[in-house]
Amino acid sequence: DIFGTAGTGNDGIPYMTISYANGLGFYKHVDPVKGARADVREMPDAND
């Protein structure tokens, strides 16, 4: 699936095949509490 994940980063969290250099998607994929990437597997709207 082109909209799925393509591998796992050094932080142990999957990364997506499609990404952008910039945009508001930054806020969705960065956990402000942990200061780290959010896990797309835990996002209930990932297929929306």
All heavy atoms as atom14 arrays in JSON, in Angstrom:
{
  "sequence": "DIFGTAGTGNDGIPYMTISYANGLGFYKHVDPVKGARADVREMPDAND",
  "atom14_mask": [
    [1, 1, 1, 1, 1, 1, 1, 1, 0, 0, 0, 0, 0, 0],
    [1, 1, 1, 1, 1, 1, 1, 1, 0, 0, 0, 0, 0, 0],
    [1, 1, 1, 1, 1, 1, 1, 1, 1, 1, 1, 0, 0, 0],
    [1, 1, 1, 1, 0, 0, 0, 0, 0, 0, 0, 0, 0, 0],
    [1, 1, 1, 1, 1, 1, 1, 0, 0, 0, 0, 0, 0, 0],
    [1, 1, 1, 1, 1, 0, 0, 0, 0, 0, 0, 0, 0, 0],
    [1, 1, 1, 1, 0, 0, 0, 0, 0, 0, 0, 0, 0, 0],
    [1, 1, 1, 1, 1, 1, 1, 0, 0, 0, 0, 0, 0, 0],
    [1, 1, 1, 1, 0, 0, 0, 0, 0, 0, 0, 0, 0, 0],
    [1, 1, 1, 1, 1, 1, 1, 1, 0, 0, 0, 0, 0, 0],
    [1, 1, 1, 1, 1, 1, 1, 1, 0, 0, 0, 0, 0, 0],
    [1, 1, 1, 1, 0, 0, 0, 0, 0, 0, 0, 0, 0, 0],
    [1, 1, 1, 1, 1, 1, 1, 1, 0, 0, 0, 0, 0, 0],
    [1, 1, 1, 1, 1, 1, 1, 0, 0, 0, 0, 0, 0, 0],
    [1, 1, 1, 1, 1, 1, 1, 1, 1, 1, 1, 1, 0, 0],
    [1, 1, 1, 1, 1, 1, 1, 1, 0, 0, 0, 0, 0, 0],
    [1, 1, 1, 1, 1, 1, 1, 0, 0, 0, 0, 0, 0, 0],
    [1, 1, 1, 1, 1, 1, 1, 1, 0, 0, 0, 0, 0, 0],
    [1, 1, 1, 1, 1, 1, 0, 0, 0, 0, 0, 0, 0, 0],
    [1, 1, 1, 1, 1, 1, 1, 1, 1, 1, 1, 1, 0, 0],
    [1, 1, 1, 1, 1, 0, 0, 0, 0, 0, 0, 0, 0, 0],
    [1, 1, 1, 1, 1, 1, 1, 1, 0, 0, 0, 0, 0, 0],
    [1, 1, 1, 1, 0, 0, 0, 0, 0, 0, 0, 0, 0, 0],
    [1, 1, 1, 1, 1, 1, 1, 1, 0, 0, 0, 0, 0, 0],
    [1, 1, 1, 1, 0, 0, 0, 0, 0, 0, 0, 0, 0, 0],
    [1, 1, 1, 1, 1, 1, 1, 1, 1, 1, 1, 0, 0, 0],
    [1, 1, 1, 1, 1, 1, 1, 1, 1, 1, 1, 1, 0, 0],
    [1, 1, 1, 1, 1, 1, 1, 1, 1, 0, 0, 0, 0, 0],
    [1, 1, 1, 1, 1, 1, 1, 1, 1, 1, 0, 0, 0, 0],
    [1, 1, 1, 1, 1, 1, 1, 0, 0, 0, 0, 0, 0, 0],
    [1, 1, 1, 1, 1, 1, 1, 1, 0, 0, 0, 0, 0, 0],
    [1, 1, 1, 1, 1, 1, 1, 0, 0, 0, 0, 0, 0, 0],
    [1, 1, 1, 1, 1, 1, 1, 0, 0, 0, 0, 0, 0, 0],
    [1, 1, 1, 1, 1, 1, 1, 1, 1, 0, 0, 0, 0, 0],
    [1, 1, 1, 1, 0, 0, 0, 0, 0, 0, 0, 0, 0, 0],
    [1, 1, 1, 1, 1, 0, 0, 0, 0, 0, 0, 0, 0, 0],
    [1, 1, 1, 1, 1, 1, 1, 1, 1, 1, 1, 0, 0, 0],
    [1, 1, 1, 1, 1, 0, 0, 0, 0, 0, 0, 0, 0, 0],
    [1, 1, 1, 1, 1, 1, 1, 1, 0, 0, 0, 0, 0, 0],
    [1, 1, 1, 1, 1, 1, 1, 0, 0, 0, 0, 0, 0, 0],
    [1, 1, 1, 1, 1, 1, 1, 1, 1, 1, 1, 0, 0, 0],
    [1, 1, 1, 1, 1, 1, 1, 1, 1, 0, 0, 0, 0, 0],
    [1, 1, 1, 1, 1, 1, 1, 1, 0, 0, 0, 0, 0, 0],
    [1, 1, 1, 1, 1, 1, 1, 0, 0, 0, 0, 0, 0, 0],
    [1, 1, 1, 1, 1, 1, 1, 1, 0, 0, 0, 0, 0, 0],
    [1, 1, 1, 1, 1, 0, 0, 0, 0, 0, 0, 0, 0, 0],
    [1, 1, 1, 1, 1, 1, 1, 1, 0, 0, 0, 0, 0, 0],
    [1, 1, 1, 1, 1, 1, 1, 1, 0, 0, 0, 0, 0, 0]
  ],
  "atom14_positions": [
    [[0.84, -1.19, 0.0], [0.0, 0.0, 0.0], [0.88, 1.24, 0.0], [1.71, 1.42, 0.9], [-0.91, -0.03, 1.24], [-1.84, 1.17, 1.32], [-1.86, 1.99, 0.38], [-2.55, 1.28, 2.33], [0.0, 0.0, 0.0], [0.0, 0.0, 0.0], [0.0, 0.0, 0.0], [0.0, 0.0, 0.0], [0.0, 0.0, 0.0], [0.0, 0.0, 0.0]],
    [[0.7, 2.1, -0.99], [1.53, 3.3, -1.11], [1.33, 4.22, 0.1], [2.2, 5.02, 0.44], [1.24, 4.05, -2.43], [2.26, 5.17, -2.68], [-0.18, 4.62, -2.43], [3.63, 4.69, -2.97], [0.0, 0.0, 0.0], [0.0, 0.0, 0.0], [0.0, 0.0, 0.0], [0.0, 0.0, 0.0], [0.0, 0.0, 0.0], [0.0, 0.0, 0.0]],
    [[0.2, 4.1, 0.77], [-0.09, 4.95, 1.92], [0.32, 4.3, 3.25], [-0.02, 4.8, 4.32], [-1.59, 5.28, 1.96], [-2.08, 5.96, 0.71], [-3.08, 5.37, -0.06], [-1.53, 7.15, 0.29], [-3.55, 5.98, -1.22], [-1.98, 7.77, -0.86], [-2.99, 7.19, -1.63], [0.0, 0.0, 0.0], [0.0, 0.0, 0.0], [0.0, 0.0, 0.0]],
    [[1.06, 3.19, 3.17], [1.48, 2.48, 4.37], [2.88, 2.85, 4.82], [3.42, 3.91, 4.46], [0.0, 0.0, 0.0], [0.0, 0.0, 0.0], [0.0, 0.0, 0.0], [0.0, 0.0, 0.0], [0.0, 0.0, 0.0], [0.0, 0.0, 0.0], [0.0, 0.0, 0.0], [0.0, 0.0, 0.0], [0.0, 0.0, 0.0], [0.0, 0.0, 0.0]],
    [[3.49, 1.98, 5.6], [4.83, 2.22, 6.12], [5.87, 1.54, 5.24], [5.58, 0.56, 4.54], [4.96, 1.71, 7.57], [4.65, 0.31, 7.6], [4.01, 2.47, 8.48], [0.0, 0.0, 0.0], [0.0, 0.0, 0.0], [0.0, 0.0, 0.0], [0.0, 0.0, 0.0], [0.0, 0.0, 0.0], [0.0, 0.0, 0.0], [0.0, 0.0, 0.0]],
    [[7.1, 2.07, 5.31], [8.16, 1.57, 4.43], [9.36, 1.03, 5.18], [10.31, 0.55, 4.56], [8.62, 2.7, 3.51], [0.0, 0.0, 0.0], [0.0, 0.0, 0.0], [0.0, 0.0, 0.0], [0.0, 0.0, 0.0], [0.0, 0.0, 0.0], [0.0, 0.0, 0.0], [0.0, 0.0, 0.0], [0.0, 0.0, 0.0], [0.0, 0.0, 0.0]],
    [[9.35, 1.11, 6.48], [10.48, 0.62, 7.26], [10.39, 1.14, 8.69], [9.38, 1.72, 9.09], [0.0, 0.0, 0.0], [0.0, 0.0, 0.0], [0.0, 0.0, 0.0], [0.0, 0.0, 0.0], [0.0, 0.0, 0.0], [0.0, 0.0, 0.0], [0.0, 0.0, 0.0], [0.0, 0.0, 0.0], [0.0, 0.0, 0.0], [0.0, 0.0, 0.0]],
    [[11.46, 0.92, 9.44], [11.5, 1.34, 10.84], [12.71, 2.23, 11.06], [13.83, 1.91, 10.63], [11.58, 0.12, 11.77], [10.44, -0.72, 11.53], [11.58, 0.55, 13.24], [0.0, 0.0, 0.0], [0.0, 0.0, 0.0], [0.0, 0.0, 0.0], [0.0, 0.0, 0.0], [0.0, 0.0, 0.0], [0.0, 0.0, 0.0], [0.0, 0.0, 0.0]],
    [[12.49, 3.35, 11.74], [13.58, 4.26, 12.03], [14.45, 3.77, 13.17], [14.14, 2.78, 13.83], [0.0, 0.0, 0.0], [0.0, 0.0, 0.0], [0.0, 0.0, 0.0], [0.0, 0.0, 0.0], [0.0, 0.0, 0.0], [0.0, 0.0, 0.0], [0.0, 0.0, 0.0], [0.0, 0.0, 0.0], [0.0, 0.0, 0.0], [0.0, 0.0, 0.0]],
    [[15.56, 4.48, 13.42], [16.46, 4.11, 14.51], [15.8, 4.28, 15.88], [16.33, 3.81, 16.88], [17.73, 4.96, 14.45], [18.6, 4.59, 13.27], [18.45, 3.51, 12.7], [19.51, 5.48, 12.9], [0.0, 0.0, 0.0], [0.0, 0.0, 0.0], [0.0, 0.0, 0.0], [0.0, 0.0, 0.0], [0.0, 0.0, 0.0], [0.0, 0.0, 0.0]],
    [[14.66, 4.97, 15.9], [13.93, 5.12, 17.16], [12.97, 3.96, 17.41], [12.2, 3.97, 18.38], [13.16, 6.44, 17.18], [12.25, 6.61, 15.96], [12.15, 5.66, 15.14], [11.64, 7.68, 15.82], [0.0, 0.0, 0.0], [0.0, 0.0, 0.0], [0.0, 0.0, 0.0], [0.0, 0.0, 0.0], [0.0, 0.0, 0.0], [0.0, 0.0, 0.0]],
    [[12.97, 2.96, 16.51], [12.11, 1.8, 16.68], [10.67, 2.01, 16.24], [9.83, 1.14, 16.43], [0.0, 0.0, 0.0], [0.0, 0.0, 0.0], [0.0, 0.0, 0.0], [0.0, 0.0, 0.0], [0.0, 0.0, 0.0], [0.0, 0.0, 0.0], [0.0, 0.0, 0.0], [0.0, 0.0, 0.0], [0.0, 0.0, 0.0], [0.0, 0.0, 0.0]],
    [[10.38, 3.16, 15.63], [9.02, 3.49, 15.2], [8.95, 3.43, 13.67], [9.85, 3.93, 12.99], [8.62, 4.9, 15.7], [8.65, 4.93, 17.23], [7.24, 5.29, 15.19], [8.44, 6.31, 17.81], [0.0, 0.0, 0.0], [0.0, 0.0, 0.0], [0.0, 0.0, 0.0], [0.0, 0.0, 0.0], [0.0, 0.0, 0.0], [0.0, 0.0, 0.0]],
    [[7.9, 2.84, 13.11], [7.78, 2.77, 11.65], [7.68, 4.16, 11.02], [7.17, 5.1, 11.64], [6.47, 1.99, 11.43], [6.23, 1.27, 12.71], [6.78, 2.14, 13.79], [0.0, 0.0, 0.0], [0.0, 0.0, 0.0], [0.0, 0.0, 0.0], [0.0, 0.0, 0.0], [0.0, 0.0, 0.0], [0.0, 0.0, 0.0], [0.0, 0.0, 0.0]],
    [[8.2, 4.27, 9.81], [8.04, 5.51, 9.05], [7.23, 5.21, 7.79], [7.22, 4.08, 7.3], [9.38, 6.15, 8.71], [10.32, 5.32, 7.88], [10.23, 5.29, 6.49], [11.33, 4.56, 8.49], [11.11, 4.54, 5.72], [12.2, 3.8, 7.73], [12.09, 3.79, 6.35], [12.95, 3.03, 5.59], [0.0, 0.0, 0.0], [0.0, 0.0, 0.0]],
    [[6.58, 6.23, 7.26], [5.66, 6.05, 6.14], [6.37, 6.2, 4.8], [7.39, 6.9, 4.69], [4.49, 7.02, 6.25], [3.76, 6.93, 7.58], [2.12, 7.69, 7.55], [1.17, 6.44, 6.66], [0.0, 0.0, 0.0], [0.0, 0.0, 0.0], [0.0, 0.0, 0.0], [0.0, 0.0, 0.0], [0.0, 0.0, 0.0], [0.0, 0.0, 0.0]],
    [[5.83, 5.53, 3.79], [6.4, 5.62, 2.45], [6.32, 7.04, 1.92], [7.24, 7.53, 1.25], [5.65, 4.67, 1.5], [5.69, 3.35, 2.02], [6.24, 4.7, 0.1], [0.0, 0.0, 0.0], [0.0, 0.0, 0.0], [0.0, 0.0, 0.0], [0.0, 0.0, 0.0], [0.0, 0.0, 0.0], [0.0, 0.0, 0.0], [0.0, 0.0, 0.0]],
    [[5.22, 7.73, 2.21], [5.02, 9.1, 1.76], [5.28, 10.05, 2.92], [4.75, 9.86, 4.02], [3.6, 9.32, 1.23], [3.31, 8.4, 0.04], [3.37, 10.77, 0.85], [1.88, 8.47, -0.46], [0.0, 0.0, 0.0], [0.0, 0.0, 0.0], [0.0, 0.0, 0.0], [0.0, 0.0, 0.0], [0.0, 0.0, 0.0], [0.0, 0.0, 0.0]],
    [[6.07, 11.06, 2.68], [6.3, 12.1, 3.68], [6.57, 13.42, 2.97], [6.8, 13.45, 1.75], [7.46, 11.75, 4.6], [8.67, 11.66, 3.88], [0.0, 0.0, 0.0], [0.0, 0.0, 0.0], [0.0, 0.0, 0.0], [0.0, 0.0, 0.0], [0.0, 0.0, 0.0], [0.0, 0.0, 0.0], [0.0, 0.0, 0.0], [0.0, 0.0, 0.0]],
    [[6.55, 14.49, 3.72], [6.73, 15.84, 3.18], [7.89, 16.54, 3.88], [8.17, 16.27, 5.06], [5.46, 16.67, 3.36], [4.29, 16.19, 2.53], [3.45, 15.19, 2.98], [4.02, 16.76, 1.28], [2.37, 14.75, 2.22], [2.94, 16.33, 0.51], [2.12, 15.32, 0.98], [1.07, 14.9, 0.23], [0.0, 0.0, 0.0], [0.0, 0.0, 0.0]],
    [[8.53, 17.44, 3.17], [9.61, 18.23, 3.78], [9.05, 19.19, 4.81], [9.74, 19.54, 5.78], [10.39, 18.98, 2.72], [0.0, 0.0, 0.0], [0.0, 0.0, 0.0], [0.0, 0.0, 0.0], [0.0, 0.0, 0.0], [0.0, 0.0, 0.0], [0.0, 0.0, 0.0], [0.0, 0.0, 0.0], [0.0, 0.0, 0.0], [0.0, 0.0, 0.0]],
    [[7.8, 19.64, 4.63], [7.22, 20.6, 5.55], [5.7, 20.51, 5.51], [5.13, 19.87, 4.63], [7.69, 22.02, 5.24], [7.55, 22.36, 3.77], [6.47, 22.29, 3.2], [8.65, 22.74, 3.13], [0.0, 0.0, 0.0], [0.0, 0.0, 0.0], [0.0, 0.0, 0.0], [0.0, 0.0, 0.0], [0.0, 0.0, 0.0], [0.0, 0.0, 0.0]],
    [[5.04, 21.17, 6.46], [3.59, 21.18, 6.48], [3.03, 20.91, 7.87], [3.76, 20.62, 8.83], [0.0, 0.0, 0.0], [0.0, 0.0, 0.0], [0.0, 0.0, 0.0], [0.0, 0.0, 0.0], [0.0, 0.0, 0.0], [0.0, 0.0, 0.0], [0.0, 0.0, 0.0], [0.0, 0.0, 0.0], [0.0, 0.0, 0.0], [0.0, 0.0, 0.0]],
    [[1.71, 20.98, 7.97], [1.04, 20.8, 9.26], [1.06, 19.36, 9.74], [0.77, 19.09, 10.9], [-0.4, 21.32, 9.18], [-0.54, 22.84, 9.06], [-2.01, 23.23, 8.89], [0.05, 23.54, 10.27], [0.0, 0.0, 0.0], [0.0, 0.0, 0.0], [0.0, 0.0, 0.0], [0.0, 0.0, 0.0], [0.0, 0.0, 0.0], [0.0, 0.0, 0.0]],
    [[1.39, 18.44, 8.85], [1.52, 17.05, 9.27], [2.59, 16.86, 10.33], [2.61, 15.84, 11.03], [0.0, 0.0, 0.0], [0.0, 0.0, 0.0], [0.0, 0.0, 0.0], [0.0, 0.0, 0.0], [0.0, 0.0, 0.0], [0.0, 0.0, 0.0], [0.0, 0.0, 0.0], [0.0, 0.0, 0.0], [0.0, 0.0, 0.0], [0.0, 0.0, 0.0]],
    [[3.47, 17.83, 10.47], [4.51, 17.79, 11.5], [3.89, 17.59, 12.88], [4.36, 16.78, 13.68], [5.31, 19.09, 11.47], [6.29, 19.26, 12.6], [7.58, 18.77, 12.49], [5.92, 19.91, 13.77], [8.48, 18.92, 13.54], [6.81, 20.06, 14.82], [8.1, 19.57, 14.71], [0.0, 0.0, 0.0], [0.0, 0.0, 0.0], [0.0, 0.0, 0.0]],
    [[2.82, 18.35, 13.16], [2.23, 18.32, 14.49], [1.56, 16.98, 14.8], [1.54, 16.54, 15.95], [1.2, 19.44, 14.63], [1.82, 20.82, 14.55], [1.64, 21.61, 13.42], [2.59, 21.32, 15.59], [2.21, 22.87, 13.34], [3.16, 22.57, 15.52], [2.97, 23.35, 14.39], [3.55, 24.59, 14.31], [0.0, 0.0, 0.0], [0.0, 0.0, 0.0]],
    [[1.07, 16.32, 13.79], [0.4, 15.03, 14.01], [1.4, 13.92, 14.29], [1.11, 12.97, 15.02], [-0.44, 14.66, 12.79], [-1.28, 13.4, 12.98], [-2.19, 13.16, 11.81], [-3.14, 12.01, 12.08], [-4.08, 12.3, 13.17], [0.0, 0.0, 0.0], [0.0, 0.0, 0.0], [0.0, 0.0, 0.0], [0.0, 0.0, 0.0], [0.0, 0.0, 0.0]],
    [[2.58, 14.06, 13.73], [3.54, 12.95, 13.79], [4.69, 13.19, 14.77], [5.64, 12.41, 14.8], [4.07, 12.65, 12.39], [3.03, 12.09, 11.48], [2.84, 10.73, 11.35], [2.11, 12.68, 10.69], [1.84, 10.51, 10.49], [1.39, 11.68, 10.09], [0.0, 0.0, 0.0], [0.0, 0.0, 0.0], [0.0, 0.0, 0.0], [0.0, 0.0, 0.0]],
    [[4.6, 14.27, 15.52], [5.58, 14.5, 16.58], [4.84, 14.57, 17.91], [3.92, 15.37, 18.08], [6.36, 15.81, 16.35], [7.27, 16.11, 17.54], [7.19, 15.71, 15.07], [0.0, 0.0, 0.0], [0.0, 0.0, 0.0], [0.0, 0.0, 0.0], [0.0, 0.0, 0.0], [0.0, 0.0, 0.0], [0.0, 0.0, 0.0], [0.0, 0.0, 0.0]],
    [[5.22, 13.72, 18.84], [4.59, 13.67, 20.16], [5.14, 14.83, 21.0], [6.32, 14.83, 21.36], [4.9, 12.34, 20.83], [4.11, 12.14, 22.12], [3.91, 13.13, 22.84], [3.72, 10.98, 22.4], [0.0, 0.0, 0.0], [0.0, 0.0, 0.0], [0.0, 0.0, 0.0], [0.0, 0.0, 0.0], [0.0, 0.0, 0.0], [0.0, 0.0, 0.0]],
    [[4.31, 15.86, 21.31], [4.82, 17.03, 22.02], [5.24, 16.72, 23.45], [6.08, 17.42, 24.02], [3.62, 17.99, 22.0], [2.42, 17.11, 21.86], [2.87, 15.95, 21.03], [0.0, 0.0, 0.0], [0.0, 0.0, 0.0], [0.0, 0.0, 0.0], [0.0, 0.0, 0.0], [0.0, 0.0, 0.0], [0.0, 0.0, 0.0], [0.0, 0.0, 0.0]],
    [[4.69, 15.68, 24.05], [5.04, 15.31, 25.42], [6.4, 14.61, 25.47], [7.29, 14.98, 26.23], [3.95, 14.41, 26.04], [4.36, 13.98, 27.44], [2.61, 15.13, 26.06], [0.0, 0.0, 0.0], [0.0, 0.0, 0.0], [0.0, 0.0, 0.0], [0.0, 0.0, 0.0], [0.0, 0.0, 0.0], [0.0, 0.0, 0.0], [0.0, 0.0, 0.0]],
    [[6.54, 13.61, 24.62], [7.78, 12.84, 24.58], [8.87, 13.55, 23.79], [10.05, 13.2, 23.91], [7.53, 11.46, 23.99], [6.53, 10.61, 24.78], [6.32, 9.27, 24.08], [5.3, 8.42, 24.83], [5.05, 7.13, 24.12], [0.0, 0.0, 0.0], [0.0, 0.0, 0.0], [0.0, 0.0, 0.0], [0.0, 0.0, 0.0], [0.0, 0.0, 0.0]],
    [[8.48, 14.51, 22.95], [9.46, 15.17, 22.1], [10.04, 14.22, 21.07], [11.19, 14.36, 20.66], [0.0, 0.0, 0.0], [0.0, 0.0, 0.0], [0.0, 0.0, 0.0], [0.0, 0.0, 0.0], [0.0, 0.0, 0.0], [0.0, 0.0, 0.0], [0.0, 0.0, 0.0], [0.0, 0.0, 0.0], [0.0, 0.0, 0.0], [0.0, 0.0, 0.0]],
    [[9.26, 13.24, 20.66], [9.72, 12.23, 19.7], [8.61, 11.96, 18.69], [7.5, 12.48, 18.81], [10.09, 10.96, 20.43], [0.0, 0.0, 0.0], [0.0, 0.0, 0.0], [0.0, 0.0, 0.0], [0.0, 0.0, 0.0], [0.0, 0.0, 0.0], [0.0, 0.0, 0.0], [0.0, 0.0, 0.0], [0.0, 0.0, 0.0], [0.0, 0.0, 0.0]],
    [[8.94, 11.13, 17.71], [7.93, 10.8, 16.7], [6.79, 10.0, 17.31], [7.01, 9.12, 18.14], [8.57, 10.0, 15.57], [9.46, 10.8, 14.66], [9.72, 10.07, 13.35], [10.21, 8.72, 13.53], [9.72, 7.65, 12.9], [8.7, 7.78, 12.06], [10.24, 6.46, 13.1], [0.0, 0.0, 0.0], [0.0, 0.0, 0.0], [0.0, 0.0, 0.0]],
    [[5.59, 10.3, 16.85], [4.43, 9.52, 17.25], [4.39, 8.23, 16.43], [4.94, 8.17, 15.32], [3.16, 10.33, 17.04], [0.0, 0.0, 0.0], [0.0, 0.0, 0.0], [0.0, 0.0, 0.0], [0.0, 0.0, 0.0], [0.0, 0.0, 0.0], [0.0, 0.0, 0.0], [0.0, 0.0, 0.0], [0.0, 0.0, 0.0], [0.0, 0.0, 0.0]],
    [[3.75, 7.21, 16.96], [3.68, 5.91, 16.3], [2.4, 5.85, 15.46], [1.29, 5.9, 15.98], [3.68, 4.8, 17.34], [3.93, 3.43, 16.73], [3.58, 3.24, 15.55], [4.45, 2.55, 17.44], [0.0, 0.0, 0.0], [0.0, 0.0, 0.0], [0.0, 0.0, 0.0], [0.0, 0.0, 0.0], [0.0, 0.0, 0.0], [0.0, 0.0, 0.0]],
    [[2.56, 5.74, 14.16], [1.41, 5.73, 13.26], [0.51, 4.53, 13.53], [-0.7, 4.56, 13.25], [1.88, 5.76, 11.78], [2.57, 4.45, 11.41], [0.72, 6.04, 10.85], [0.0, 0.0, 0.0], [0.0, 0.0, 0.0], [0.0, 0.0, 0.0], [0.0, 0.0, 0.0], [0.0, 0.0, 0.0], [0.0, 0.0, 0.0], [0.0, 0.0, 0.0]],
    [[1.06, 3.47, 14.09], [0.26, 2.28, 14.4], [-0.78, 2.57, 15.49], [-1.75, 1.84, 15.63], [1.17, 1.14, 14.84], [2.08, 0.6, 13.75], [3.1, -0.37, 14.29], [3.99, 0.26, 15.25], [5.04, -0.34, 15.81], [5.32, -1.6, 15.49], [5.8, 0.3, 16.68], [0.0, 0.0, 0.0], [0.0, 0.0, 0.0], [0.0, 0.0, 0.0]],
    [[-0.57, 3.63, 16.23], [-1.49, 3.99, 17.3], [-2.46, 5.1, 16.9], [-3.18, 5.62, 17.75], [-0.68, 4.42, 18.53], [0.22, 3.32, 19.06], [1.14, 3.8, 20.18], [1.05, 5.01, 20.52], [1.94, 2.99, 20.69], [0.0, 0.0, 0.0], [0.0, 0.0, 0.0], [0.0, 0.0, 0.0], [0.0, 0.0, 0.0], [0.0, 0.0, 0.0]],
    [[-2.46, 5.45, 15.61], [-3.35, 6.51, 15.14], [-4.6, 5.89, 14.54], [-4.55, 5.24, 13.49], [-2.63, 7.38, 14.09], [-1.42, 8.09, 14.63], [-0.58, 9.08, 13.34], [0.85, 9.67, 14.25], [0.0, 0.0, 0.0], [0.0, 0.0, 0.0], [0.0, 0.0, 0.0], [0.0, 0.0, 0.0], [0.0, 0.0, 0.0], [0.0, 0.0, 0.0]],
    [[-5.76, 6.06, 15.16], [-6.99, 5.41, 14.67], [-7.46, 5.92, 13.32], [-8.24, 5.25, 12.64], [-8.01, 5.74, 15.77], [-7.48, 6.96, 16.44], [-5.99, 6.85, 16.38], [0.0, 0.0, 0.0], [0.0, 0.0, 0.0], [0.0, 0.0, 0.0], [0.0, 0.0, 0.0], [0.0, 0.0, 0.0], [0.0, 0.0, 0.0], [0.0, 0.0, 0.0]],
    [[-7.0, 7.11, 12.9], [-7.45, 7.68, 11.63], [-6.45, 7.47, 10.5], [-6.55, 8.11, 9.46], [-7.72, 9.18, 11.8], [-6.47, 9.96, 12.2], [-5.51, 9.33, 12.69], [-6.46, 11.19, 12.03], [0.0, 0.0, 0.0], [0.0, 0.0, 0.0], [0.0, 0.0, 0.0], [0.0, 0.0, 0.0], [0.0, 0.0, 0.0], [0.0, 0.0, 0.0]],
    [[-5.48, 6.59, 10.68], [-4.41, 6.42, 9.7], [-4.91, 6.0, 8.32], [-4.24, 6.23, 7.32], [-3.37, 5.43, 10.21], [0.0, 0.0, 0.0], [0.0, 0.0, 0.0], [0.0, 0.0, 0.0], [0.0, 0.0, 0.0], [0.0, 0.0, 0.0], [0.0, 0.0, 0.0], [0.0, 0.0, 0.0], [0.0, 0.0, 0.0], [0.0, 0.0, 0.0]],
    [[-6.09, 5.39, 8.26], [-6.63, 4.94, 6.97], [-7.7, 5.88, 6.42], [-8.32, 5.59, 5.39], [-7.22, 3.53, 7.11], [-6.15, 2.49, 7.39], [-5.07, 2.53, 6.8], [-6.44, 1.57, 8.29], [0.0, 0.0, 0.0], [0.0, 0.0, 0.0], [0.0, 0.0, 0.0], [0.0, 0.0, 0.0], [0.0, 0.0, 0.0], [0.0, 0.0, 0.0]],
    [[-7.92, 7.0, 7.09], [-8.94, 7.96, 6.63], [-8.42, 8.77, 5.44], [-7.22, 9.0, 5.3], [-9.32, 8.92, 7.76], [-10.08, 8.23, 8.88], [-10.44, 7.04, 8.7], [-10.31, 8.87, 9.92], [0.0, 0.0, 0.0], [0.0, 0.0, 0.0], [0.0, 0.0, 0.0], [0.0, 0.0, 0.0], [0.0, 0.0, 0.0], [0.0, 0.0, 0.0]]
  ]
}
